[in-house]
């Protein structure tokens, strides 16, 4: 990747992170989109592979989140059974 593309990619992603932390979400999304677009244009084969595998990644991520939510519920039930105060998520 040429230096100018690298500068645009990482600069826009860094600025997007700063804007997101400053609660400027629309501007952060725009800059993140710019950085990702430059990254995708430079790595089309990898982007195509990622796009093809995305449904599998999303399914797996959903399974992990559901497992963590179940674990949290069980921990809250255990805490409530021991006489502690159950907090909600």
PDB file of N, CA and C in Angstrom:
ATOM      1  N   UNK A   1       0.850  -1.169   0.000  1.00  0.00           N
ATOM      2  CA  UNK A   1       0.000   0.000   0.000  1.00  0.00           C
ATOM      3  C   UNK A   1       0.897   1.234   0.000  1.00  0.00           C
ATOM      4  N   UNK A   2       0.673   2.140  -0.940  1.00  0.00           N
ATOM      5  CA  UNK A   2       1.470   3.369  -0.970  1.00  0.00           C
ATOM      6  C   UNK A   2       1.266   4.195   0.303  1.00  0.00           C
ATOM      7  N   UNK A   3       2.261   5.006   0.598  1.00  0.00           N
ATOM      8  CA  UNK A   3       2.212   5.797   1.830  1.00  0.00           C
ATOM      9  C   UNK A   3       1.009   6.730   1.898  1.00  0.00           C
ATOM     10  N   UNK A   4       0.601   7.319   0.779  1.00  0.00           N
ATOM     11  CA  UNK A   4      -0.522   8.250   0.823  1.00  0.00           C
ATOM     12  C   UNK A   4      -1.815   7.523   1.147  1.00  0.00           C
ATOM     13  N   UNK A   5      -1.973   6.285   0.653  1.00  0.00           N
ATOM     14  CA  UNK A   5      -3.174   5.521   0.981  1.00  0.00           C
ATOM     15  C   UNK A   5      -3.160   5.104   2.449  1.00  0.00           C
ATOM     16  N   UNK A   6      -1.998   4.740   2.910  1.00  0.00           N
ATOM     17  CA  UNK A   6      -1.859   4.368   4.316  1.00  0.00           C
ATOM     18  C   UNK A   6      -2.177   5.554   5.219  1.00  0.00           C
ATOM     19  N   UNK A   7      -1.705   6.747   4.834  1.00  0.00           N
ATOM     20  CA  UNK A   7      -1.976   7.949   5.623  1.00  0.00           C
ATOM     21  C   UNK A   7      -3.465   8.269   5.647  1.00  0.00           C
ATOM     22  N   UNK A   8      -4.129   8.157   4.494  1.00  0.00           N
ATOM     23  CA  UNK A   8      -5.573   8.414   4.451  1.00  0.00           C
ATOM     24  C   UNK A   8      -6.326   7.393   5.296  1.00  0.00           C
ATOM     25  N   UNK A   9      -5.962   6.109   5.145  1.00  0.00           N
ATOM     26  CA  UNK A   9      -6.662   5.050   5.870  1.00  0.00           C
ATOM     27  C   UNK A   9      -6.521   5.216   7.374  1.00  0.00           C
ATOM     28  N   UNK A  10      -5.294   5.253   7.852  1.00  0.00           N
ATOM     29  CA  UNK A  10      -5.087   5.304   9.297  1.00  0.00           C
ATOM     30  C   UNK A  10      -5.433   6.671   9.881  1.00  0.00           C
ATOM     31  N   UNK A  11      -5.223   7.722   9.112  1.00  0.00           N
ATOM     32  CA  UNK A  11      -5.591   9.055   9.584  1.00  0.00           C
ATOM     33  C   UNK A  11      -7.089   9.196   9.756  1.00  0.00           C
ATOM     34  N   UNK A  12      -7.846   8.709   8.774  1.00  0.00           N
ATOM     35  CA  UNK A  12      -9.301   8.824   8.880  1.00  0.00           C
ATOM     36  C   UNK A  12      -9.854   7.910   9.964  1.00  0.00           C
ATOM     37  N   UNK A  13      -9.285   6.709  10.118  1.00  0.00           N
ATOM     38  CA  UNK A  13      -9.752   5.821  11.190  1.00  0.00           C
ATOM     39  C   UNK A  13      -9.397   6.378  12.566  1.00  0.00           C
ATOM     40  N   UNK A  14      -8.226   6.982  12.695  1.00  0.00           N
ATOM     41  CA  UNK A  14      -7.854   7.612  13.966  1.00  0.00           C
ATOM     42  C   UNK A  14      -8.742   8.804  14.282  1.00  0.00           C
ATOM     43  N   UNK A  15      -8.995   9.630  13.274  1.00  0.00           N
ATOM     44  CA  UNK A  15      -9.876  10.783  13.479  1.00  0.00           C
ATOM     45  C   UNK A  15     -11.297  10.326  13.788  1.00  0.00           C
ATOM     46  N   UNK A  16     -11.738   9.246  13.137  1.00  0.00           N
ATOM     47  CA  UNK A  16     -13.074   8.707  13.416  1.00  0.00           C
ATOM     48  C   UNK A  16     -13.174   8.242  14.863  1.00  0.00           C
ATOM     49  N   UNK A  17     -12.120   7.618  15.358  1.00  0.00           N
ATOM     50  CA  UNK A  17     -12.108   7.179  16.759  1.00  0.00           C
ATOM     51  C   UNK A  17     -12.212   8.370  17.699  1.00  0.00           C
ATOM     52  N   UNK A  18     -11.442   9.421  17.411  1.00  0.00           N
ATOM     53  CA  UNK A  18     -11.484  10.619  18.248  1.00  0.00           C
ATOM     54  C   UNK A  18     -12.861  11.267  18.205  1.00  0.00           C
ATOM     55  N   UNK A  19     -13.453  11.344  17.025  1.00  0.00           N
ATOM     56  CA  UNK A  19     -14.782  11.938  16.906  1.00  0.00           C
ATOM     57  C   UNK A  19     -15.839  11.082  17.614  1.00  0.00           C
ATOM     58  N   UNK A  20     -15.693   9.768  17.520  1.00  0.00           N
ATOM     59  CA  UNK A  20     -16.637   8.879  18.207  1.00  0.00           C
ATOM     60  C   UNK A  20     -16.555   9.082  19.715  1.00  0.00           C
ATOM     61  N   UNK A  21     -15.348   9.192  20.229  1.00  0.00           N
ATOM     62  CA  UNK A  21     -15.179   9.416  21.670  1.00  0.00           C
ATOM     63  C   UNK A  21     -15.698  10.788  22.084  1.00  0.00           C
ATOM     64  N   UNK A  22     -15.695  11.745  21.151  1.00  0.00           N
ATOM     65  CA  UNK A  22     -16.229  13.076  21.418  1.00  0.00           C
ATOM     66  C   UNK A  22     -17.739  13.135  21.154  1.00  0.00           C
ATOM     67  N   UNK A  23     -18.334  11.997  20.909  1.00  0.00           N
ATOM     68  CA  UNK A  23     -19.776  11.863  20.665  1.00  0.00           C
ATOM     69  C   UNK A  23     -20.246  12.592  19.406  1.00  0.00           C
ATOM     70  N   UNK A  24     -19.403  12.602  18.410  1.00  0.00           N
ATOM     71  CA  UNK A  24     -19.749  13.166  17.100  1.00  0.00           C
ATOM     72  C   UNK A  24     -19.917  11.991  16.134  1.00  0.00           C
ATOM     73  N   UNK A  25     -20.951  11.191  16.369  1.00  0.00           N
ATOM     74  CA  UNK A  25     -21.096   9.932  15.648  1.00  0.00           C
ATOM     75  C   UNK A  25     -21.288  10.059  14.140  1.00  0.00           C
ATOM     76  N   UNK A  26     -22.081  10.991  13.625  1.00  0.00           N
ATOM     77  CA  UNK A  26     -22.210  11.084  12.161  1.00  0.00           C
ATOM     78  C   UNK A  26     -20.877  11.375  11.469  1.00  0.00           C
ATOM     79  N   UNK A  27     -20.107  12.295  12.022  1.00  0.00           N
ATOM     80  CA  UNK A  27     -18.805  12.615  11.428  1.00  0.00           C
ATOM     81  C   UNK A  27     -17.849  11.434  11.573  1.00  0.00           C
ATOM     82  N   UNK A  28     -17.919  10.732  12.702  1.00  0.00           N
ATOM     83  CA  UNK A  28     -17.065   9.561  12.904  1.00  0.00           C
ATOM     84  C   UNK A  28     -17.399   8.481  11.892  1.00  0.00           C
ATOM     85  N   UNK A  29     -18.677   8.265  11.647  1.00  0.00           N
ATOM     86  CA  UNK A  29     -19.082   7.251  10.669  1.00  0.00           C
ATOM     87  C   UNK A  29     -18.605   7.607   9.268  1.00  0.00           C
ATOM     88  N   UNK A  30     -18.681   8.883   8.911  1.00  0.00           N
ATOM     89  CA  UNK A  30     -18.234   9.310   7.585  1.00  0.00           C
ATOM     90  C   UNK A  30     -16.736   9.083   7.413  1.00  0.00           C
ATOM     91  N   UNK A  31     -15.949   9.458   8.410  1.00  0.00           N
ATOM     92  CA  UNK A  31     -14.503   9.266   8.301  1.00  0.00           C
ATOM     93  C   UNK A  31     -14.120   7.792   8.340  1.00  0.00           C
ATOM     94  N   UNK A  32     -14.817   7.004   9.145  1.00  0.00           N
ATOM     95  CA  UNK A  32     -14.539   5.568   9.174  1.00  0.00           C
ATOM     96  C   UNK A  32     -14.868   4.950   7.816  1.00  0.00           C
ATOM     97  N   UNK A  33     -15.949   5.396   7.213  1.00  0.00           N
ATOM     98  CA  UNK A  33     -16.306   4.905   5.876  1.00  0.00           C
ATOM     99  C   UNK A  33     -15.255   5.241   4.844  1.00  0.00           C
ATOM    100  N   UNK A  34     -14.710   6.442   4.923  1.00  0.00           N
ATOM    101  CA  UNK A  34     -13.642   6.843   4.004  1.00  0.00           C
ATOM    102  C   UNK A  34     -12.413   5.949   4.176  1.00  0.00           C
ATOM    103  N   UNK A  35     -12.008   5.745   5.421  1.00  0.00           N
ATOM    104  CA  UNK A  35     -10.840   4.905   5.674  1.00  0.00           C
ATOM    105  C   UNK A  35     -11.041   3.480   5.206  1.00  0.00           C
ATOM    106  N   UNK A  36     -12.218   2.944   5.468  1.00  0.00           N
ATOM    107  CA  UNK A  36     -12.495   1.572   5.042  1.00  0.00           C
ATOM    108  C   UNK A  36     -12.598   1.465   3.525  1.00  0.00           C
ATOM    109  N   UNK A  37     -13.134   2.483   2.883  1.00  0.00           N
ATOM    110  CA  UNK A  37     -13.231   2.462   1.416  1.00  0.00           C
ATOM    111  C   UNK A  37     -11.852   2.432   0.781  1.00  0.00           C
ATOM    112  N   UNK A  38     -10.933   3.245   1.275  1.00  0.00           N
ATOM    113  CA  UNK A  38      -9.568   3.243   0.738  1.00  0.00           C
ATOM    114  C   UNK A  38      -8.905   1.895   0.995  1.00  0.00           C
ATOM    115  N   UNK A  39      -9.130   1.337   2.162  1.00  0.00           N
ATOM    116  CA  UNK A  39      -8.561   0.032   2.495  1.00  0.00           C
ATOM    117  C   UNK A  39      -9.100  -1.048   1.576  1.00  0.00           C
ATOM    118  N   UNK A  40     -10.409  -1.033   1.319  1.00  0.00           N
ATOM    119  CA  UNK A  40     -11.027  -2.038   0.452  1.00  0.00           C
ATOM    120  C   UNK A  40     -10.538  -1.894  -0.982  1.00  0.00           C
ATOM    121  N   UNK A  41     -10.412  -0.668  -1.466  1.00  0.00           N
ATOM    122  CA  UNK A  41      -9.962  -0.468  -2.839  1.00  0.00           C
ATOM    123  C   UNK A  41      -8.548  -0.979  -3.055  1.00  0.00           C
ATOM    124  N   UNK A  42      -7.735  -0.965  -2.012  1.00  0.00           N
ATOM    125  CA  UNK A  42      -6.369  -1.438  -2.150  1.00  0.00           C
ATOM    126  C   UNK A  42      -6.261  -2.949  -1.978  1.00  0.00           C
ATOM    127  N   UNK A  43      -7.227  -3.576  -1.342  1.00  0.00           N
ATOM    128  CA  UNK A  43      -7.187  -5.018  -1.070  1.00  0.00           C
ATOM    129  C   UNK A  43      -8.488  -5.675  -1.509  1.00  0.00           C
ATOM    130  N   UNK A  44      -8.770  -5.639  -2.777  1.00  0.00           N
ATOM    131  CA  UNK A  44     -10.057  -6.135  -3.274  1.00  0.00           C
ATOM    132  C   UNK A  44     -10.259  -7.624  -3.035  1.00  0.00           C
ATOM    133  N   UNK A  45      -9.203  -8.428  -3.195  1.00  0.00           N
ATOM    134  CA  UNK A  45      -9.353  -9.870  -3.004  1.00  0.00           C
ATOM    135  C   UNK A  45      -9.703 -10.191  -1.556  1.00  0.00           C
ATOM    136  N   UNK A  46      -9.012  -9.540  -0.639  1.00  0.00           N
ATOM    137  CA  UNK A  46      -9.284  -9.769   0.784  1.00  0.00           C
ATOM    138  C   UNK A  46     -10.672  -9.268   1.158  1.00  0.00           C
ATOM    139  N   UNK A  47     -11.079  -8.147   0.576  1.00  0.00           N
ATOM    140  CA  UNK A  47     -12.407  -7.597   0.860  1.00  0.00           C
ATOM    141  C   UNK A  47     -13.495  -8.528   0.337  1.00  0.00           C
ATOM    142  N   UNK A  48     -13.276  -9.084  -0.846  1.00  0.00           N
ATOM    143  CA  UNK A  48     -14.242 -10.022  -1.410  1.00  0.00           C
ATOM    144  C   UNK A  48     -14.356 -11.263  -0.541  1.00  0.00           C
ATOM    145  N   UNK A  49     -13.226 -11.773  -0.096  1.00  0.00           N
ATOM    146  CA  UNK A  49     -13.218 -12.940   0.789  1.00  0.00           C
ATOM    147  C   UNK A  49     -13.931 -12.632   2.102  1.00  0.00           C
ATOM    148  N   UNK A  50     -13.652 -11.467   2.669  1.00  0.00           N
ATOM    149  CA  UNK A  50     -14.303 -11.069   3.921  1.00  0.00           C
ATOM    150  C   UNK A  50     -15.815 -10.962   3.725  1.00  0.00           C
ATOM    151  N   UNK A  51     -16.242 -10.332   2.629  1.00  0.00           N
ATOM    152  CA  UNK A  51     -17.664 -10.149   2.369  1.00  0.00           C
ATOM    153  C   UNK A  51     -18.362 -11.497   2.213  1.00  0.00           C
ATOM    154  N   UNK A  52     -17.685 -12.446   1.579  1.00  0.00           N
ATOM    155  CA  UNK A  52     -18.253 -13.770   1.380  1.00  0.00           C
ATOM    156  C   UNK A  52     -18.383 -14.514   2.709  1.00  0.00           C
ATOM    157  N   UNK A  53     -17.417 -14.323   3.604  1.00  0.00           N
ATOM    158  CA  UNK A  53     -17.424 -15.023   4.890  1.00  0.00           C
ATOM    159  C   UNK A  53     -18.172 -14.280   5.989  1.00  0.00           C
ATOM    160  N   UNK A  54     -18.646 -13.067   5.711  1.00  0.00           N
ATOM    161  CA  UNK A  54     -19.291 -12.242   6.725  1.00  0.00           C
ATOM    162  C   UNK A  54     -20.484 -12.906   7.404  1.00  0.00           C
ATOM    163  N   UNK A  55     -21.392 -13.585   6.682  1.00  0.00           N
ATOM    164  CA  UNK A  55     -22.513 -14.224   7.378  1.00  0.00           C
ATOM    165  C   UNK A  55     -22.067 -15.241   8.430  1.00  0.00           C
ATOM    166  N   UNK A  56     -21.020 -15.993   8.149  1.00  0.00           N
ATOM    167  CA  UNK A  56     -20.509 -16.962   9.127  1.00  0.00           C
ATOM    168  C   UNK A  56     -19.954 -16.249  10.352  1.00  0.00           C
ATOM    169  N   UNK A  57     -19.232 -15.138  10.135  1.00  0.00           N
ATOM    170  CA  UNK A  57     -18.688 -14.373  11.258  1.00  0.00           C
ATOM    171  C   UNK A  57     -19.806 -13.786  12.110  1.00  0.00           C
ATOM    172  N   UNK A  58     -20.844 -13.277  11.460  1.00  0.00           N
ATOM    173  CA  UNK A  58     -21.965 -12.696  12.197  1.00  0.00           C
ATOM    174  C   UNK A  58     -22.709 -13.766  13.002  1.00  0.00           C
ATOM    175  N   UNK A  59     -22.891 -14.937  12.421  1.00  0.00           N
ATOM    176  CA  UNK A  59     -23.539 -16.028  13.156  1.00  0.00           C
ATOM    177  C   UNK A  59     -22.721 -16.403  14.378  1.00  0.00           C
ATOM    178  N   UNK A  60     -21.439 -16.536  14.206  1.00  0.00           N
ATOM    179  CA  UNK A  60     -20.563 -16.912  15.326  1.00  0.00           C
ATOM    180  C   UNK A  60     -20.559 -15.822  16.402  1.00  0.00           C
ATOM    181  N   UNK A  61     -20.503 -14.572  15.979  1.00  0.00           N
ATOM    182  CA  UNK A  61     -20.525 -13.470  16.935  1.00  0.00           C
ATOM    183  C   UNK A  61     -21.841 -13.452  17.708  1.00  0.00           C
ATOM    184  N   UNK A  62     -22.934 -13.711  17.022  1.00  0.00           N
ATOM    185  CA  UNK A  62     -24.244 -13.771  17.675  1.00  0.00           C
ATOM    186  C   UNK A  62     -24.280 -14.887  18.712  1.00  0.00           C
ATOM    187  N   UNK A  63     -23.708 -16.035  18.399  1.00  0.00           N
ATOM    188  CA  UNK A  63     -23.645 -17.144  19.356  1.00  0.00           C
ATOM    189  C   UNK A  63     -22.851 -16.750  20.597  1.00  0.00           C
ATOM    190  N   UNK A  64     -21.736 -16.067  20.401  1.00  0.00           N
ATOM    191  CA  UNK A  64     -20.897 -15.650  21.531  1.00  0.00           C
ATOM    192  C   UNK A  64     -21.638 -14.645  22.407  1.00  0.00           C
ATOM    193  N   UNK A  65     -22.296 -13.665  21.792  1.00  0.00           N
ATOM    194  CA  UNK A  65     -23.032 -12.657  22.561  1.00  0.00           C
ATOM    195  C   UNK A  65     -24.165 -13.313  23.343  1.00  0.00           C
ATOM    196  N   UNK A  66     -24.879 -14.238  22.713  1.00  0.00           N
ATOM    197  CA  UNK A  66     -25.962 -14.931  23.416  1.00  0.00           C
ATOM    198  C   UNK A  66     -25.428 -15.764  24.576  1.00  0.00           C
ATOM    199  N   UNK A  67     -24.299 -16.408  24.386  1.00  0.00           N
ATOM    200  CA  UNK A  67     -23.699 -17.190  25.465  1.00  0.00           C
ATOM    201  C   UNK A  67     -23.291 -16.290  26.628  1.00  0.00           C
ATOM    202  N   UNK A  68     -22.724 -15.140  26.327  1.00  0.00           N
ATOM    203  CA  UNK A  68     -22.341 -14.197  27.382  1.00  0.00           C
ATOM    204  C   UNK A  68     -23.569 -13.651  28.111  1.00  0.00           C
ATOM    205  N   UNK A  69     -24.645 -13.398  27.386  1.00  0.00           N
ATOM    206  CA  UNK A  69     -25.880 -12.921  28.018  1.00  0.00           C
ATOM    207  C   UNK A  69     -26.449 -13.998  28.941  1.00  0.00           C
ATOM    208  N   UNK A  70     -26.431 -15.248  28.496  1.00  0.00           N
ATOM    209  CA  UNK A  70     -26.901 -16.348  29.345  1.00  0.00           C
ATOM    210  C   UNK A  70     -26.044 -16.469  30.600  1.00  0.00           C
ATOM    211  N   UNK A  71     -24.747 -16.349  30.441  1.00  0.00           N
ATOM    212  CA  UNK A  71     -23.847 -16.417  31.587  1.00  0.00           C
ATOM    213  C   UNK A  71     -24.149 -15.288  32.576  1.00  0.00           C
ATOM    214  N   UNK A  72     -24.365 -14.084  32.061  1.00  0.00           N
ATOM    215  CA  UNK A  72     -24.705 -12.960  32.921  1.00  0.00           C
ATOM    216  C   UNK A  72     -25.996 -13.194  33.688  1.00  0.00           C
ATOM    217  N   UNK A  73     -26.994 -13.747  33.014  1.00  0.00           N
ATOM    218  CA  UNK A  73     -28.263 -14.047  33.681  1.00  0.00           C
ATOM    219  C   UNK A  73     -28.072 -15.091  34.781  1.00  0.00           C
ATOM    220  N   UNK A  74     -27.287 -16.110  34.484  1.00  0.00           N
ATOM    221  CA  UNK A  74     -27.043 -17.143  35.503  1.00  0.00           C
ATOM    222  C   UNK A  74     -26.292 -16.583  36.696  1.00  0.00           C
ATOM    223  N   UNK A  75     -25.337 -15.691  36.438  1.00  0.00           N
ATOM    224  CA  UNK A  75     -24.609 -15.068  37.545  1.00  0.00           C
ATOM    225  C   UNK A  75     -25.536 -14.216  38.404  1.00  0.00           C
ATOM    226  N   UNK A  76     -26.443 -13.480  37.767  1.00  0.00           N
ATOM    227  CA  UNK A  76     -27.397 -12.669  38.518  1.00  0.00           C
ATOM    228  C   UNK A  76     -28.337 -13.549  39.341  1.00  0.00           C
ATOM    229  N   UNK A  77     -28.792 -14.667  38.760  1.00  0.00           N
ATOM    230  CA  UNK A  77     -29.655 -15.585  39.501  1.00  0.00           C
ATOM    231  C   UNK A  77     -28.917 -16.180  40.691  1.00  0.00           C
ATOM    232  N   UNK A  78     -27.663 -16.534  40.482  1.00  0.00           N
ATOM    233  CA  UNK A  78     -26.855 -17.102  41.571  1.00  0.00           C
ATOM    234  C   UNK A  78     -26.670 -16.071  42.685  1.00  0.00           C
ATOM    235  N   UNK A  79     -26.400 -14.848  42.295  1.00  0.00           N
ATOM    236  CA  UNK A  79     -26.212 -13.791  43.286  1.00  0.00           C
ATOM    237  C   UNK A  79     -27.510 -13.542  44.064  1.00  0.00           C
ATOM    238  N   UNK A  80     -28.640 -13.529  43.355  1.00  0.00           N
ATOM    239  CA  UNK A  80     -29.927 -13.320  44.011  1.00  0.00           C
ATOM    240  C   UNK A  80     -30.246 -14.476  44.977  1.00  0.00           C
ATOM    241  N   UNK A  81     -29.883 -15.687  44.582  1.00  0.00           N
ATOM    242  CA  UNK A  81     -30.150 -16.854  45.438  1.00  0.00           C
ATOM    243  C   UNK A  81     -29.305 -16.812  46.711  1.00  0.00           C
ATOM    244  N   UNK A  82     -28.151 -16.170  46.647  1.00  0.00           N
ATOM    245  CA  UNK A  82     -27.275 -16.066  47.816  1.00  0.00           C
ATOM    246  C   UNK A  82     -27.626 -14.868  48.685  1.00  0.00           C
ATOM    247  N   UNK A  83     -28.660 -14.137  48.303  1.00  0.00           N
ATOM    248  CA  UNK A  83     -29.084 -13.014  49.120  1.00  0.00           C
ATOM    249  C   UNK A  83     -28.524 -11.677  48.681  1.00  0.00           C
ATOM    250  N   UNK A  84     -27.795 -11.650  47.602  1.00  0.00           N
ATOM    251  CA  UNK A  84     -27.255 -10.389  47.098  1.00  0.00           C
ATOM    252  C   UNK A  84     -28.295  -9.646  46.312  1.00  0.00           C
ATOM    253  N   UNK A  85     -27.996  -8.450  45.960  1.00  0.00           N
ATOM    254  CA  UNK A  85     -28.912  -7.652  45.162  1.00  0.00           C
ATOM    255  C   UNK A  85     -28.635  -7.916  43.694  1.00  0.00           C
ATOM    256  N   UNK A  86     -29.685  -8.244  42.970  1.00  0.00           N
ATOM    257  CA  UNK A  86     -29.531  -8.524  41.546  1.00  0.00           C
ATOM    258  C   UNK A  86     -29.628  -7.216  40.774  1.00  0.00           C
ATOM    259  N   UNK A  87     -28.626  -6.933  40.015  1.00  0.00           N
ATOM    260  CA  UNK A  87     -28.640  -5.736  39.170  1.00  0.00           C
ATOM    261  C   UNK A  87     -29.112  -6.128  37.780  1.00  0.00           C
ATOM    262  N   UNK A  88     -29.656  -5.195  37.066  1.00  0.00           N
ATOM    263  CA  UNK A  88     -30.081  -5.489  35.708  1.00  0.00           C
ATOM    264  C   UNK A  88     -29.070  -4.921  34.727  1.00  0.00           C
ATOM    265  N   UNK A  89     -29.026  -5.507  33.547  1.00  0.00           N
ATOM    266  CA  UNK A  89     -28.105  -5.048  32.514  1.00  0.00           C
ATOM    267  C   UNK A  89     -28.747  -3.999  31.682  1.00  0.00           C
TER     268      UNK A  89
END
